[in-house]
PDB file of N, CA and C in Angstrom:
ATOM      1  N   MET A   1       6.466 -71.802  37.571  1.00  0.00           N
ATOM      2  CA  MET A   1       5.041 -70.844  37.556  1.00  0.00           C
ATOM      3  C   MET A   1       4.747 -70.015  36.649  1.00  0.00           C
ATOM      4  N   LYS A   2       4.106 -69.489  35.373  1.00  0.00           N
ATOM      5  CA  LYS A   2       4.166 -69.083  34.346  1.00  0.00           C
ATOM      6  C   LYS A   2       3.726 -67.372  34.716  1.00  0.00           C
ATOM      7  N   PRO A   3       4.854 -65.868  34.056  1.00  0.00           N
ATOM      8  CA  PRO A   3       3.749 -65.082  34.374  1.00  0.00           C
ATOM      9  C   PRO A   3       2.672 -64.717  34.206  1.00  0.00           C
ATOM     10  N   PRO A   4       1.420 -63.560  35.363  1.00  0.00           N
ATOM     11  CA  PRO A   4       0.078 -62.789  34.933  1.00  0.00           C
ATOM     12  C   PRO A   4       0.682 -62.527  33.554  1.00  0.00           C
ATOM     13  N   SER A   5      -0.471 -62.943  32.248  1.00  0.00           N
ATOM     14  CA  SER A   5      -0.868 -62.109  31.433  1.00  0.00           C
ATOM     15  C   SER A   5      -0.577 -60.857  31.307  1.00  0.00           C
ATOM     16  N   ALA A   6      -0.627 -59.736  30.556  1.00  0.00           N
ATOM     17  CA  ALA A   6      -1.350 -58.236  30.886  1.00  0.00           C
ATOM     18  C   ALA A   6      -2.980 -58.147  30.587  1.00  0.00           C
ATOM     19  N   HIS A   7      -3.409 -59.142  30.316  1.00  0.00           N
ATOM     20  CA  HIS A   7      -5.207 -59.124  30.735  1.00  0.00           C
ATOM     21  C   HIS A   7      -5.184 -59.131  31.965  1.00  0.00           C
ATOM     22  N   GLU A   8      -4.573 -60.656  32.635  1.00  0.00           N
ATOM     23  CA  GLU A   8      -4.594 -60.920  33.621  1.00  0.00           C
ATOM     24  C   GLU A   8      -3.717 -59.746  34.797  1.00  0.00           C
ATOM     25  N   GLN A   9      -2.611 -58.950  34.381  1.00  0.00           N
ATOM     26  CA  GLN A   9      -2.536 -57.800  34.994  1.00  0.00           C
ATOM     27  C   GLN A   9      -3.272 -56.537  35.005  1.00  0.00           C
ATOM     28  N   ALA A  10      -4.297 -56.126  34.000  1.00  0.00           N
ATOM     29  CA  ALA A  10      -4.984 -55.283  34.051  1.00  0.00           C
ATOM     30  C   ALA A  10      -6.001 -55.661  35.415  1.00  0.00           C
ATOM     31  N   THR A  11      -6.621 -54.212  35.984  1.00  0.00           N
ATOM     32  CA  THR A  11      -7.047 -54.242  36.586  1.00  0.00           C
ATOM     33  C   THR A  11      -8.993 -53.928  36.230  1.00  0.00           C
ATOM     34  N   LEU A  12      -9.505 -54.603  37.135  1.00  0.00           N
ATOM     35  CA  LEU A  12     -11.001 -54.667  36.973  1.00  0.00           C
ATOM     36  C   LEU A  12     -11.134 -53.262  35.736  1.00  0.00           C
ATOM     37  N   HIS A  13     -11.744 -52.183  36.821  1.00  0.00           N
ATOM     38  CA  HIS A  13     -12.240 -50.508  35.571  1.00  0.00           C
ATOM     39  C   HIS A  13     -11.363 -50.664  34.594  1.00  0.00           C
ATOM     40  N   GLU A  14     -10.429 -51.430  34.248  1.00  0.00           N
ATOM     41  CA  GLU A  14      -9.436 -50.955  32.631  1.00  0.00           C
ATOM     42  C   GLU A  14      -9.978 -52.574  31.824  1.00  0.00           C
ATOM     43  N   GLN A  15     -10.542 -53.633  32.346  1.00  0.00           N
ATOM     44  CA  GLN A  15     -10.572 -54.967  31.506  1.00  0.00           C
ATOM     45  C   GLN A  15     -12.368 -54.234  30.960  1.00  0.00           C
ATOM     46  N   VAL A  16     -12.914 -53.447  32.480  1.00  0.00           N
ATOM     47  CA  VAL A  16     -14.723 -53.217  32.270  1.00  0.00           C
ATOM     48  C   VAL A  16     -14.505 -52.231  31.254  1.00  0.00           C
ATOM     49  N   GLN A  17     -13.432 -51.513  30.710  1.00  0.00           N
ATOM     50  CA  GLN A  17     -13.296 -50.295  30.332  1.00  0.00           C
ATOM     51  C   GLN A  17     -13.107 -51.107  29.085  1.00  0.00           C
ATOM     52  N   ALA A  18     -12.371 -52.109  28.643  1.00  0.00           N
ATOM     53  CA  ALA A  18     -11.887 -52.591  27.440  1.00  0.00           C
ATOM     54  C   ALA A  18     -13.290 -53.956  26.625  1.00  0.00           C
ATOM     55  N   GLY A  19     -14.116 -54.256  27.902  1.00  0.00           N
ATOM     56  CA  GLY A  19     -15.500 -54.941  27.570  1.00  0.00           C
ATOM     57  C   GLY A  19     -15.751 -54.582  25.929  1.00  0.00           C
ATOM     58  N   PRO A  20     -17.040 -55.038  25.344  1.00  0.00           N
ATOM     59  CA  PRO A  20     -17.776 -54.354  24.601  1.00  0.00           C
ATOM     60  C   PRO A  20     -18.893 -53.881  24.938  1.00  0.00           C
ATOM     61  N   GLU A  21     -19.326 -54.118  26.360  1.00  0.00           N
ATOM     62  CA  GLU A  21     -21.228 -53.366  26.692  1.00  0.00           C
ATOM     63  C   GLU A  21     -20.158 -51.806  27.792  1.00  0.00           C
ATOM     64  N   PHE A  22     -18.503 -51.737  27.918  1.00  0.00           N
ATOM     65  CA  PHE A  22     -18.385 -50.398  28.161  1.00  0.00           C
ATOM     66  C   PHE A  22     -18.699 -49.401  26.815  1.00  0.00           C
ATOM     67  N   VAL A  23     -18.048 -50.160  25.682  1.00  0.00           N
ATOM     68  CA  VAL A  23     -17.839 -50.117  24.716  1.00  0.00           C
ATOM     69  C   VAL A  23     -18.615 -49.342  24.223  1.00  0.00           C
ATOM     70  N   GLU A  24     -20.105 -50.125  24.086  1.00  0.00           N
ATOM     71  CA  GLU A  24     -21.197 -49.528  23.897  1.00  0.00           C
ATOM     72  C   GLU A  24     -22.011 -48.252  24.478  1.00  0.00           C
ATOM     73  N   LEU A  25     -21.597 -48.820  25.538  1.00  0.00           N
ATOM     74  CA  LEU A  25     -22.475 -47.613  26.142  1.00  0.00           C
ATOM     75  C   LEU A  25     -21.815 -46.087  26.170  1.00  0.00           C
ATOM     76  N   ARG A  26     -20.832 -46.073  25.879  1.00  0.00           N
ATOM     77  CA  ARG A  26     -19.674 -44.764  24.906  1.00  0.00           C
ATOM     78  C   ARG A  26     -20.051 -44.395  24.047  1.00  0.00           C
ATOM     79  N   ARG A  27     -20.665 -45.727  23.055  1.00  0.00           N
ATOM     80  CA  ARG A  27     -20.904 -44.928  21.651  1.00  0.00           C
ATOM     81  C   ARG A  27     -22.126 -44.189  22.283  1.00  0.00           C
ATOM     82  N   ARG A  28     -23.356 -44.813  22.875  1.00  0.00           N
ATOM     83  CA  ARG A  28     -24.465 -44.815  22.500  1.00  0.00           C
ATOM     84  C   ARG A  28     -24.053 -43.159  23.335  1.00  0.00           C
ATOM     85  N   LEU A  29     -22.906 -43.312  24.051  1.00  0.00           N
ATOM     86  CA  LEU A  29     -23.468 -41.837  24.973  1.00  0.00           C
ATOM     87  C   LEU A  29     -22.730 -40.718  23.659  1.00  0.00           C
ATOM     88  N   ARG A  30     -21.668 -40.630  23.281  1.00  0.00           N
ATOM     89  CA  ARG A  30     -20.907 -40.143  22.633  1.00  0.00           C
ATOM     90  C   ARG A  30     -22.053 -39.685  21.350  1.00  0.00           C
ATOM     91  N   GLY A  31     -23.133 -41.059  21.023  1.00  0.00           N
ATOM     92  CA  GLY A  31     -23.716 -41.097  19.554  1.00  0.00           C
ATOM     93  C   GLY A  31     -25.112 -39.816  19.999  1.00  0.00           C
ATOM     94  N   TRP A  32     -25.325 -39.332  21.342  1.00  0.00           N
ATOM     95  CA  TRP A  32     -26.887 -38.828  21.398  1.00  0.00           C
ATOM     96  C   TRP A  32     -25.850 -36.927  21.933  1.00  0.00           C
ATOM     97  N   VAL A  33     -24.900 -37.050  22.832  1.00  0.00           N
ATOM     98  CA  VAL A  33     -24.216 -35.928  23.224  1.00  0.00           C
ATOM     99  C   VAL A  33     -23.476 -35.180  22.135  1.00  0.00           C
ATOM    100  N   PHE A  34     -22.470 -35.570  21.046  1.00  0.00           N
ATOM    101  CA  PHE A  34     -22.562 -34.939  20.492  1.00  0.00           C
ATOM    102  C   PHE A  34     -23.347 -33.842  19.415  1.00  0.00           C
ATOM    103  N   PRO A  35     -23.974 -34.835  18.384  1.00  0.00           N
ATOM    104  CA  PRO A  35     -24.798 -34.377  17.876  1.00  0.00           C
ATOM    105  C   PRO A  35     -25.394 -33.054  18.422  1.00  0.00           C
ATOM    106  N   MET A  36     -25.697 -33.399  20.093  1.00  0.00           N
ATOM    107  CA  MET A  36     -27.116 -32.793  20.598  1.00  0.00           C
ATOM    108  C   MET A  36     -26.282 -31.174  20.934  1.00  0.00           C
ATOM    109  N   SER A  37     -25.672 -31.259  21.781  1.00  0.00           N
ATOM    110  CA  SER A  37     -23.878 -29.878  21.826  1.00  0.00           C
ATOM    111  C   SER A  37     -24.048 -29.580  20.838  1.00  0.00           C
ATOM    112  N   ALA A  38     -24.073 -29.951  19.453  1.00  0.00           N
ATOM    113  CA  ALA A  38     -23.735 -29.223  18.380  1.00  0.00           C
ATOM    114  C   ALA A  38     -24.656 -28.436  17.871  1.00  0.00           C
ATOM    115  N   ALA A  39     -26.145 -29.212  17.836  1.00  0.00           N
ATOM    116  CA  ALA A  39     -27.060 -28.486  17.369  1.00  0.00           C
ATOM    117  C   ALA A  39     -27.771 -27.496  18.406  1.00  0.00           C
ATOM    118  N   PHE A  40     -27.298 -27.909  19.307  1.00  0.00           N
ATOM    119  CA  PHE A  40     -27.404 -26.699  20.685  1.00  0.00           C
ATOM    120  C   PHE A  40     -26.438 -25.132  19.715  1.00  0.00           C
ATOM    121  N   LEU A  41     -25.224 -25.672  20.102  1.00  0.00           N
ATOM    122  CA  LEU A  41     -24.522 -24.967  20.183  1.00  0.00           C
ATOM    123  C   LEU A  41     -25.277 -23.580  18.684  1.00  0.00           C
ATOM    124  N   LEU A  42     -24.845 -24.478  18.010  1.00  0.00           N
ATOM    125  CA  LEU A  42     -25.381 -23.577  16.517  1.00  0.00           C
ATOM    126  C   LEU A  42     -26.652 -22.707  16.512  1.00  0.00           C
ATOM    127  N   TRP A  43     -27.829 -23.309  17.388  1.00  0.00           N
ATOM    128  CA  TRP A  43     -29.464 -22.150  18.218  1.00  0.00           C
ATOM    129  C   TRP A  43     -28.553 -21.209  18.750  1.00  0.00           C
ATOM    130  N   TYR A  44     -27.532 -21.275  19.288  1.00  0.00           N
ATOM    131  CA  TYR A  44     -27.192 -20.577  20.492  1.00  0.00           C
ATOM    132  C   TYR A  44     -26.528 -19.128  19.711  1.00  0.00           C
ATOM    133  N   PHE A  45     -25.527 -20.240  18.303  1.00  0.00           N
ATOM    134  CA  PHE A  45     -24.760 -19.074  18.158  1.00  0.00           C
ATOM    135  C   PHE A  45     -25.947 -17.778  16.807  1.00  0.00           C
ATOM    136  N   ALA A  46     -27.069 -18.476  16.242  1.00  0.00           N
ATOM    137  CA  ALA A  46     -27.754 -18.380  15.627  1.00  0.00           C
ATOM    138  C   ALA A  46     -28.682 -17.337  16.473  1.00  0.00           C
ATOM    139  N   TYR A  47     -28.498 -17.245  17.212  1.00  0.00           N
ATOM    140  CA  TYR A  47     -28.951 -16.585  17.822  1.00  0.00           C
ATOM    141  C   TYR A  47     -28.533 -15.031  17.959  1.00  0.00           C
ATOM    142  N   VAL A  48     -27.444 -15.013  18.410  1.00  0.00           N
ATOM    143  CA  VAL A  48     -26.161 -14.153  18.375  1.00  0.00           C
ATOM    144  C   VAL A  48     -25.959 -13.717  17.443  1.00  0.00           C
ATOM    145  N   VAL A  49     -25.627 -14.377  16.295  1.00  0.00           N
ATOM    146  CA  VAL A  49     -25.172 -13.369  15.311  1.00  0.00           C
ATOM    147  C   VAL A  49     -26.785 -13.210  14.949  1.00  0.00           C
ATOM    148  N   LEU A  50     -28.063 -13.061  15.153  1.00  0.00           N
ATOM    149  CA  LEU A  50     -29.530 -12.734  14.458  1.00  0.00           C
ATOM    150  C   LEU A  50     -29.606 -11.724  15.552  1.00  0.00           C
ATOM    151  N   ALA A  51     -28.681 -10.863  16.864  1.00  0.00           N
ATOM    152  CA  ALA A  51     -29.247 -10.186  17.938  1.00  0.00           C
ATOM    153  C   ALA A  51     -28.359  -8.673  17.401  1.00  0.00           C
ATOM    154  N   SER A  52     -26.933  -9.358  16.759  1.00  0.00           N
ATOM    155  CA  SER A  52     -26.174  -8.748  15.941  1.00  0.00           C
ATOM    156  C   SER A  52     -26.020  -8.123  14.705  1.00  0.00           C
ATOM    157  N   TYR A  53     -26.164  -8.705  13.811  1.00  0.00           N
ATOM    158  CA  TYR A  53     -26.599  -8.904  11.941  1.00  0.00           C
ATOM    159  C   TYR A  53     -28.100  -8.416  11.739  1.00  0.00           C
ATOM    160  N   ALA A  54     -28.968  -9.314  12.434  1.00  0.00           N
ATOM    161  CA  ALA A  54     -30.493  -8.688  11.995  1.00  0.00           C
ATOM    162  C   ALA A  54     -31.277  -7.892  13.288  1.00  0.00           C
ATOM    163  N   ARG A  55     -30.741  -6.857  13.361  1.00  0.00           N
ATOM    164  CA  ARG A  55     -31.398  -7.008  14.287  1.00  0.00           C
ATOM    165  C   ARG A  55     -32.679  -5.824  14.044  1.00  0.00           C
ATOM    166  N   GLU A  56     -33.182  -5.474  13.025  1.00  0.00           N
ATOM    167  CA  GLU A  56     -34.073  -5.307  12.205  1.00  0.00           C
ATOM    168  C   GLU A  56     -35.770  -5.733  12.648  1.00  0.00           C
ATOM    169  N   LEU A  57     -34.541  -7.297  12.451  1.00  0.00           N
ATOM    170  CA  LEU A  57     -36.047  -8.691  12.474  1.00  0.00           C
ATOM    171  C   LEU A  57     -35.745  -8.761  13.995  1.00  0.00           C
ATOM    172  N   MET A  58     -34.747  -8.860  14.692  1.00  0.00           N
ATOM    173  CA  MET A  58     -34.838  -8.796  16.193  1.00  0.00           C
ATOM    174  C   MET A  58     -35.799  -7.447  16.885  1.00  0.00           C
ATOM    175  N   ALA A  59     -35.912  -6.597  16.223  1.00  0.00           N
ATOM    176  CA  ALA A  59     -36.400  -5.889  16.803  1.00  0.00           C
ATOM    177  C   ALA A  59     -38.630  -5.890  16.497  1.00  0.00           C
ATOM    178  N   THR A  60     -38.913  -6.461  15.436  1.00  0.00           N
ATOM    179  CA  THR A  60     -39.739  -6.084  15.120  1.00  0.00           C
ATOM    180  C   THR A  60     -40.579  -6.367  16.024  1.00  0.00           C
ATOM    181  N   PRO A  61     -41.982  -5.768  16.057  1.00  0.00           N
ATOM    182  CA  PRO A  61     -42.782  -6.071  17.572  1.00  0.00           C
ATOM    183  C   PRO A  61     -43.978  -7.293  16.975  1.00  0.00           C
ATOM    184  N   VAL A  62     -44.466  -8.128  17.805  1.00  0.00           N
ATOM    185  CA  VAL A  62     -45.248  -9.242  17.827  1.00  0.00           C
ATOM    186  C   VAL A  62     -46.789  -8.619  18.310  1.00  0.00           C
ATOM    187  N   SER A  63     -46.326  -7.712  19.673  1.00  0.00           N
ATOM    188  CA  SER A  63     -47.034  -8.214  19.973  1.00  0.00           C
ATOM    189  C   SER A  63     -47.273  -6.599  21.429  1.00  0.00           C
ATOM    190  N   GLY A  64     -47.371  -5.313  20.921  1.00  0.00           N
ATOM    191  CA  GLY A  64     -47.142  -4.906  22.684  1.00  0.00           C
ATOM    192  C   GLY A  64     -45.392  -4.332  22.543  1.00  0.00           C
ATOM    193  N   VAL A  65     -45.308  -4.825  23.132  1.00  0.00           N
ATOM    194  CA  VAL A  65     -43.768  -4.636  23.424  1.00  0.00           C
ATOM    195  C   VAL A  65     -42.861  -5.870  23.545  1.00  0.00           C
ATOM    196  N   ILE A  66     -43.828  -6.975  23.048  1.00  0.00           N
ATOM    197  CA  ILE A  66     -42.970  -8.864  22.578  1.00  0.00           C
ATOM    198  C   ILE A  66     -42.539  -8.534  21.568  1.00  0.00           C
ATOM    199  N   THR A  67     -41.036  -8.698  21.345  1.00  0.00           N
ATOM    200  CA  THR A  67     -40.526  -8.642  19.984  1.00  0.00           C
ATOM    201  C   THR A  67     -39.842  -9.916  19.871  1.00  0.00           C
ATOM    202  N   VAL A  68     -39.455  -9.958  18.058  1.00  0.00           N
ATOM    203  CA  VAL A  68     -39.310 -11.149  18.036  1.00  0.00           C
ATOM    204  C   VAL A  68     -38.398 -11.688  18.279  1.00  0.00           C
ATOM    205  N   GLY A  69     -37.095 -10.590  18.796  1.00  0.00           N
ATOM    206  CA  GLY A  69     -35.483 -11.581  19.562  1.00  0.00           C
ATOM    207  C   GLY A  69     -36.342 -11.569  21.679  1.00  0.00           C
ATOM    208  N   LEU A  70     -37.190 -11.240  21.838  1.00  0.00           N
ATOM    209  CA  LEU A  70     -37.386 -11.384  23.698  1.00  0.00           C
ATOM    210  C   LEU A  70     -37.627 -13.083  22.873  1.00  0.00           C
ATOM    211  N   LEU A  71     -38.417 -13.295  21.445  1.00  0.00           N
ATOM    212  CA  LEU A  71     -38.963 -14.491  21.614  1.00  0.00           C
ATOM    213  C   LEU A  71     -38.164 -15.983  21.576  1.00  0.00           C
ATOM    214  N   VAL A  72     -37.292 -14.714  20.562  1.00  0.00           N
ATOM    215  CA  VAL A  72     -35.641 -16.031  20.365  1.00  0.00           C
ATOM    216  C   VAL A  72     -35.432 -16.414  21.782  1.00  0.00           C
ATOM    217  N   GLY A  73     -34.839 -15.096  22.259  1.00  0.00           N
ATOM    218  CA  GLY A  73     -34.372 -15.062  23.371  1.00  0.00           C
ATOM    219  C   GLY A  73     -34.728 -15.870  24.166  1.00  0.00           C
ATOM    220  N   LEU A  74     -36.029 -16.198  24.716  1.00  0.00           N
ATOM    221  CA  LEU A  74     -36.546 -17.109  25.498  1.00  0.00           C
ATOM    222  C   LEU A  74     -37.169 -18.688  24.936  1.00  0.00           C
ATOM    223  N   ALA A  75     -37.268 -19.114  23.716  1.00  0.00           N
ATOM    224  CA  ALA A  75     -36.778 -19.914  23.294  1.00  0.00           C
ATOM    225  C   ALA A  75     -35.503 -20.706  23.742  1.00  0.00           C
ATOM    226  N   GLN A  76     -34.208 -20.130  24.405  1.00  0.00           N
ATOM    227  CA  GLN A  76     -32.963 -19.949  24.755  1.00  0.00           C
ATOM    228  C   GLN A  76     -33.080 -21.035  25.538  1.00  0.00           C
ATOM    229  N   PHE A  77     -34.018 -20.571  26.051  1.00  0.00           N
ATOM    230  CA  PHE A  77     -34.589 -21.397  27.883  1.00  0.00           C
ATOM    231  C   PHE A  77     -35.973 -21.931  27.442  1.00  0.00           C
ATOM    232  N   VAL A  78     -36.006 -21.851  26.649  1.00  0.00           N
ATOM    233  CA  VAL A  78     -36.848 -23.570  26.555  1.00  0.00           C
ATOM    234  C   VAL A  78     -36.285 -24.231  26.076  1.00  0.00           C
ATOM    235  N   SER A  79     -35.780 -24.171  25.097  1.00  0.00           N
ATOM    236  CA  SER A  79     -34.772 -25.972  24.551  1.00  0.00           C
ATOM    237  C   SER A  79     -33.635 -25.798  25.656  1.00  0.00           C
ATOM    238  N   THR A  80     -33.457 -25.142  26.543  1.00  0.00           N
ATOM    239  CA  THR A  80     -32.617 -25.383  26.818  1.00  0.00           C
ATOM    240  C   THR A  80     -33.108 -26.835  28.037  1.00  0.00           C
ATOM    241  N   PHE A  81     -34.107 -26.471  28.450  1.00  0.00           N
ATOM    242  CA  PHE A  81     -34.566 -27.046  29.661  1.00  0.00           C
ATOM    243  C   PHE A  81     -35.393 -27.883  28.865  1.00  0.00           C
ATOM    244  N   ALA A  82     -35.864 -28.192  27.287  1.00  0.00           N
ATOM    245  CA  ALA A  82     -36.367 -29.428  26.750  1.00  0.00           C
ATOM    246  C   ALA A  82     -35.136 -30.741  26.083  1.00  0.00           C
ATOM    247  N   LEU A  83     -33.966 -30.180  25.924  1.00  0.00           N
ATOM    248  CA  LEU A  83     -33.049 -30.514  25.824  1.00  0.00           C
ATOM    249  C   LEU A  83     -32.126 -31.405  27.102  1.00  0.00           C
ATOM    250  N   THR A  84     -32.510 -30.595  28.084  1.00  0.00           N
ATOM    251  CA  THR A  84     -32.236 -31.533  29.473  1.00  0.00           C
ATOM    252  C   THR A  84     -33.405 -32.638  29.600  1.00  0.00           C
ATOM    253  N   ALA A  85     -34.675 -32.906  29.515  1.00  0.00           N
ATOM    254  CA  ALA A  85     -35.525 -33.557  30.113  1.00  0.00           C
ATOM    255  C   ALA A  85     -35.026 -35.115  28.502  1.00  0.00           C
ATOM    256  N   ALA A  86     -34.829 -34.141  27.408  1.00  0.00           N
ATOM    257  CA  ALA A  86     -34.309 -35.219  26.375  1.00  0.00           C
ATOM    258  C   ALA A  86     -33.292 -35.803  27.177  1.00  0.00           C
ATOM    259  N   TYR A  87     -32.828 -35.675  27.465  1.00  0.00           N
ATOM    260  CA  TYR A  87     -31.818 -36.412  27.741  1.00  0.00           C
ATOM    261  C   TYR A  87     -31.337 -37.272  28.803  1.00  0.00           C
ATOM    262  N   VAL A  88     -32.616 -36.866  29.624  1.00  0.00           N
ATOM    263  CA  VAL A  88     -32.659 -37.089  31.084  1.00  0.00           C
ATOM    264  C   VAL A  88     -33.277 -38.414  30.252  1.00  0.00           C
ATOM    265  N   ARG A  89     -34.539 -38.913  29.427  1.00  0.00           N
ATOM    266  CA  ARG A  89     -35.489 -39.628  29.168  1.00  0.00           C
ATOM    267  C   ARG A  89     -34.366 -40.470  27.774  1.00  0.00           C
ATOM    268  N   PHE A  90     -32.779 -39.589  27.157  1.00  0.00           N
ATOM    269  CA  PHE A  90     -32.878 -40.705  26.629  1.00  0.00           C
ATOM    270  C   PHE A  90     -31.759 -42.239  27.900  1.00  0.00           C
ATOM    271  N   ALA A  91     -31.006 -41.382  28.766  1.00  0.00           N
ATOM    272  CA  ALA A  91     -30.235 -42.367  29.686  1.00  0.00           C
ATOM    273  C   ALA A  91     -30.822 -43.145  30.589  1.00  0.00           C
ATOM    274  N   ALA A  92     -32.454 -42.980  30.260  1.00  0.00           N
ATOM    275  CA  ALA A  92     -32.739 -43.510  31.479  1.00  0.00           C
ATOM    276  C   ALA A  92     -33.231 -44.725  30.436  1.00  0.00           C
ATOM    277  N   ARG A  93     -33.680 -44.301  29.052  1.00  0.00           N
ATOM    278  CA  ARG A  93     -33.922 -45.466  27.733  1.00  0.00           C
ATOM    279  C   ARG A  93     -32.971 -46.035  27.706  1.00  0.00           C
ATOM    280  N   ARG A  94     -31.903 -45.830  27.161  1.00  0.00           N
ATOM    281  CA  ARG A  94     -30.642 -46.235  26.947  1.00  0.00           C
ATOM    282  C   ARG A  94     -29.249 -46.454  27.430  1.00  0.00           C
ATOM    283  N   LEU A  95     -29.387 -45.586  28.039  1.00  0.00           N
ATOM    284  CA  LEU A  95     -28.026 -45.861  28.878  1.00  0.00           C
ATOM    285  C   LEU A  95     -27.929 -46.317  30.395  1.00  0.00           C
ATOM    286  N   ASP A  96     -28.520 -46.200  31.289  1.00  0.00           N
ATOM    287  CA  ASP A  96     -28.872 -46.624  32.274  1.00  0.00           C
ATOM    288  C   ASP A  96     -28.947 -48.008  32.492  1.00  0.00           C
ATOM    289  N   PRO A  97     -29.788 -48.643  31.537  1.00  0.00           N
ATOM    290  CA  PRO A  97     -29.671 -49.750  31.692  1.00  0.00           C
ATOM    291  C   PRO A  97     -28.482 -50.889  31.799  1.00  0.00           C
ATOM    292  N   LEU A  98     -27.617 -50.562  30.587  1.00  0.00           N
ATOM    293  CA  LEU A  98     -26.256 -50.706  30.421  1.00  0.00           C
ATOM    294  C   LEU A  98     -25.494 -50.077  31.332  1.00  0.00           C
ATOM    295  N   ALA A  99     -25.505 -49.249  31.268  1.00  0.00           N
ATOM    296  CA  ALA A  99     -24.328 -48.816  33.401  1.00  0.00           C
ATOM    297  C   ALA A  99     -24.960 -50.067  33.967  1.00  0.00           C
ATOM    298  N   ALA A 100     -26.372 -49.965  34.326  1.00  0.00           N
ATOM    299  CA  ALA A 100     -26.887 -51.755  35.791  1.00  0.00           C
ATOM    300  C   ALA A 100     -26.070 -52.559  35.189  1.00  0.00           C
ATOM    301  N   GLN A 101     -26.323 -53.386  33.730  1.00  0.00           N
ATOM    302  CA  GLN A 101     -25.404 -54.374  33.278  1.00  0.00           C
ATOM    303  C   GLN A 101     -23.884 -54.425  33.439  1.00  0.00           C
ATOM    304  N   ILE A 102     -23.245 -53.225  34.021  1.00  0.00           N
ATOM    305  CA  ILE A 102     -21.865 -53.494  33.487  1.00  0.00           C
ATOM    306  C   ILE A 102     -21.316 -53.102  35.610  1.00  0.00           C
ATOM    307  N   ARG A 103     -22.270 -52.370  36.440  1.00  0.00           N
ATOM    308  CA  ARG A 103     -22.163 -52.014  37.801  1.00  0.00           C
ATOM    309  C   ARG A 103     -22.499 -53.739  38.171  1.00  0.00           C
ATOM    310  N   CYS A 104     -22.628 -54.262  37.598  1.00  0.00           N
ATOM    311  CA  CYS A 104     -23.558 -55.676  38.076  1.00  0.00           C
ATOM    312  C   CYS A 104     -22.868 -56.866  37.990  1.00  0.00           C
ATOM    313  N   SER A 105     -22.444 -56.665  36.635  1.00  0.00           N
ATOM    314  CA  SER A 105     -20.819 -57.767  35.980  1.00  0.00           C
ATOM    315  C   SER A 105     -20.118 -57.572  37.190  1.00  0.00           C
ATOM    316  N   MET A 106     -19.276 -55.634  37.896  1.00  0.00           N
ATOM    317  CA  MET A 106     -18.431 -55.612  38.095  1.00  0.00           C
ATOM    318  C   MET A 106     -18.880 -56.091  39.902  1.00  0.00           C
ATOM    319  N   GLU A 107     -19.433 -56.380  40.087  1.00  0.00           N
ATOM    320  CA  GLU A 107     -19.932 -56.200  41.612  1.00  0.00           C
ATOM    321  C   GLU A 107     -19.736 -57.867  41.896  1.00  0.00           C
ATOM    322  N   ASP A 108     -20.049 -58.693  40.528  1.00  0.00           N
ATOM    323  CA  ASP A 108     -19.745 -59.840  40.679  1.00  0.00           C
ATOM    324  C   ASP A 108     -18.516 -60.641  40.878  1.00  0.00           C
ATOM    325  N   HIS A 109     -17.491 -59.256  40.363  1.00  0.00           N
ATOM    326  CA  HIS A 109     -15.907 -59.977  40.583  1.00  0.00           C
ATOM    327  C   HIS A 109     -15.295 -60.067  40.888  1.00  0.00           C
ATOM    328  N   ARG A 110     -16.300 -58.785  41.923  1.00  0.00           N
ATOM    329  CA  ARG A 110     -15.268 -58.402  43.301  1.00  0.00           C
ATOM    330  C   ARG A 110     -15.062 -59.344  44.455  1.00  0.00           C
TER     331      ARG A 110
END
């Protein structure tokens, strides 16, 4: 009797992680998460830099006591919700179907 190969010794989870579907799922996730995270961090740091070094601009009144700084700060919250909604939509369209396919193939192998 010949000993099992390294591929045969790998657990089901290890086999799935090495498979092309999982590699594609990880590529899709990273292709969205890393650029969006970088963009959001840049947007956040821009706000901090403006608040620290462009005080006159941020203190500019827009309407009554509403200033540019207040609007930019509120835009931080709006952009957080928008980014979350965009991720949910992206995941539903591009990640979840592939993850379901992987999950089904794992259940078939049990």
